[in-house]
Amino acid sequence: MVLALNISMFLKLRTCVREGSVKMPSDYKHFEYMLSKNWIVPTIVYYNTDLNEDAPLMTPKYSNYVEATRAGEEKYYSVKDFWIKWILIFIFSFFGTCAVITGILIKLL
């Protein structure tokens, strides 16, 4: 569904697509949702190389910035195109209706 994206998420994705990344702390209310939908990915600052016997793996450390994934870009463009289409349809319908009403009024007067 196209409308599963609210204005706040749309604006965050818009900034990601246009500027490459956007500051989005992990306590942002839609962060987990957008992450689960694979629309964003956190930016890795560095890898923690403190190796010990319990955890021999390097763990990534993330910044407060996120980048849009391909799925996020596609979602942004699909919502943008959806709203542009409906706005144009509304404008043309409004002016068409105004033209019909004006034509009827001119004939009556």
Protein backbone atom coordinates (compact mmCIF):
# COMPACT_ATOMS: atom_id res chain seq x y z
CA MET A 1 0.00 0.00 0.00
CA VAL A 2 1.35 3.39 -0.96
CA LEU A 3 -0.01 5.27 2.05
CA ALA A 4 1.88 3.21 4.69
CA LEU A 5 4.30 6.13 4.93
CA ASN A 6 3.46 9.18 7.01
CA ILE A 7 4.73 12.71 6.31
CA SER A 8 7.54 12.49 8.87
CA MET A 9 8.95 9.29 7.35
CA PHE A 10 8.48 10.71 3.86
CA LEU A 11 10.50 13.81 4.73
CA LYS A 12 13.27 11.72 6.31
CA LEU A 13 13.47 9.53 3.18
CA ARG A 14 13.39 12.64 1.00
CA THR A 15 16.42 14.06 2.82
CA CYS A 16 18.21 10.72 2.58
CA VAL A 17 17.62 10.48 -1.16
CA ARG A 18 18.60 14.08 -1.87
CA GLU A 19 21.55 14.50 0.50
CA GLY A 20 22.75 10.93 0.95
CA SER A 21 22.10 10.69 4.68
CA VAL A 22 20.02 12.22 7.45
CA LYS A 23 20.45 12.50 11.19
CA MET A 24 18.04 10.07 12.79
CA PRO A 25 18.73 8.95 16.37
CA SER A 26 17.66 5.46 17.36
CA ASP A 27 14.94 6.91 19.62
CA TYR A 28 13.11 8.45 16.61
CA LYS A 29 9.61 7.02 16.85
CA HIS A 30 9.57 5.46 13.35
CA PHE A 31 13.20 4.29 13.37
CA GLU A 32 12.49 0.60 14.07
CA TYR A 33 9.63 0.51 11.55
CA MET A 34 11.73 2.03 8.78
CA LEU A 35 14.62 -0.28 9.64
CA SER A 36 12.35 -3.36 9.59
CA LYS A 37 11.01 -2.35 6.17
CA ASN A 38 14.62 -2.08 4.93
CA TRP A 39 14.16 1.56 3.90
CA ILE A 40 17.17 2.81 5.86
CA VAL A 41 20.51 1.51 7.05
CA PRO A 42 22.56 3.05 9.89
CA THR A 43 25.93 4.53 8.97
CA ILE A 44 28.88 2.69 10.48
CA VAL A 45 31.46 5.01 12.03
CA TYR A 46 34.09 2.43 12.90
CA TYR A 47 34.54 -1.16 14.00
CA ASN A 48 35.31 -1.87 17.63
CA THR A 49 38.51 -3.88 17.61
CA ASP A 50 38.58 -4.65 21.33
CA LEU A 51 39.01 -8.36 20.95
CA ASN A 52 38.68 -10.51 24.04
CA GLU A 53 38.25 -14.18 24.68
CA ASP A 54 34.46 -13.95 25.01
CA ALA A 55 33.77 -11.91 21.85
CA PRO A 56 36.45 -12.41 19.19
CA LEU A 57 34.38 -10.57 16.55
CA MET A 58 34.67 -6.94 15.55
CA THR A 59 31.45 -5.09 16.30
CA PRO A 60 30.34 -2.06 14.29
CA LYS A 61 29.69 1.27 16.00
CA TYR A 62 26.91 3.29 14.40
CA SER A 63 26.46 7.04 14.17
CA ASN A 64 23.14 8.90 14.43
CA TYR A 65 23.01 9.14 10.64
CA VAL A 66 21.18 6.77 8.32
CA GLU A 67 21.25 6.24 4.57
CA ALA A 68 18.37 5.22 2.33
CA THR A 69 18.50 1.77 0.82
CA ARG A 70 17.30 0.95 -2.67
CA ALA A 71 13.94 -0.12 -1.19
CA GLY A 72 13.74 3.22 0.66
CA GLU A 73 14.41 5.16 -2.53
CA GLU A 74 11.76 3.17 -4.39
CA LYS A 75 9.24 3.81 -1.59
CA TYR A 76 10.02 7.53 -1.61
CA TYR A 77 9.54 7.81 -5.38
CA SER A 78 6.38 5.69 -5.41
CA VAL A 79 4.73 7.86 -2.72
CA LYS A 80 5.92 11.06 -4.42
CA ASP A 81 4.55 9.92 -7.78
CA PHE A 82 1.28 8.83 -6.17
CA TRP A 83 0.68 12.24 -4.59
CA ILE A 84 1.75 14.18 -7.69
CA LYS A 85 -0.71 12.15 -9.76
CA TRP A 86 -3.60 12.80 -7.36
CA ILE A 87 -2.80 16.50 -7.03
CA LEU A 88 -2.77 16.91 -10.81
CA ILE A 89 -6.03 14.98 -11.14
CA PHE A 90 -7.62 17.23 -8.52
CA ILE A 91 -6.39 20.41 -10.23
CA PHE A 92 -7.61 19.34 -13.67
CA SER A 93 -10.96 18.19 -12.25
CA PHE A 94 -11.41 21.46 -10.37
CA PHE A 95 -10.67 23.62 -13.41
CA GLY A 96 -12.78 21.38 -15.63
CA THR A 97 -15.71 21.70 -13.26
CA CYS A 98 -15.22 25.48 -13.09
CA ALA A 99 -15.19 25.65 -16.90
CA VAL A 100 -18.42 23.65 -17.16
CA ILE A 101 -20.15 25.77 -14.53
CA THR A 102 -18.92 28.97 -16.22
CA GLY A 103 -20.19 27.72 -19.59
CA ILE A 104 -23.59 26.92 -18.13
CA LEU A 105 -23.83 30.32 -16.42
CA ILE A 106 -22.86 32.15 -19.62
CA LYS A 107 -25.63 30.35 -21.56
CA LEU A 108 -28.18 31.09 -18.84
CA LEU A 109 -27.35 34.78 -18.67
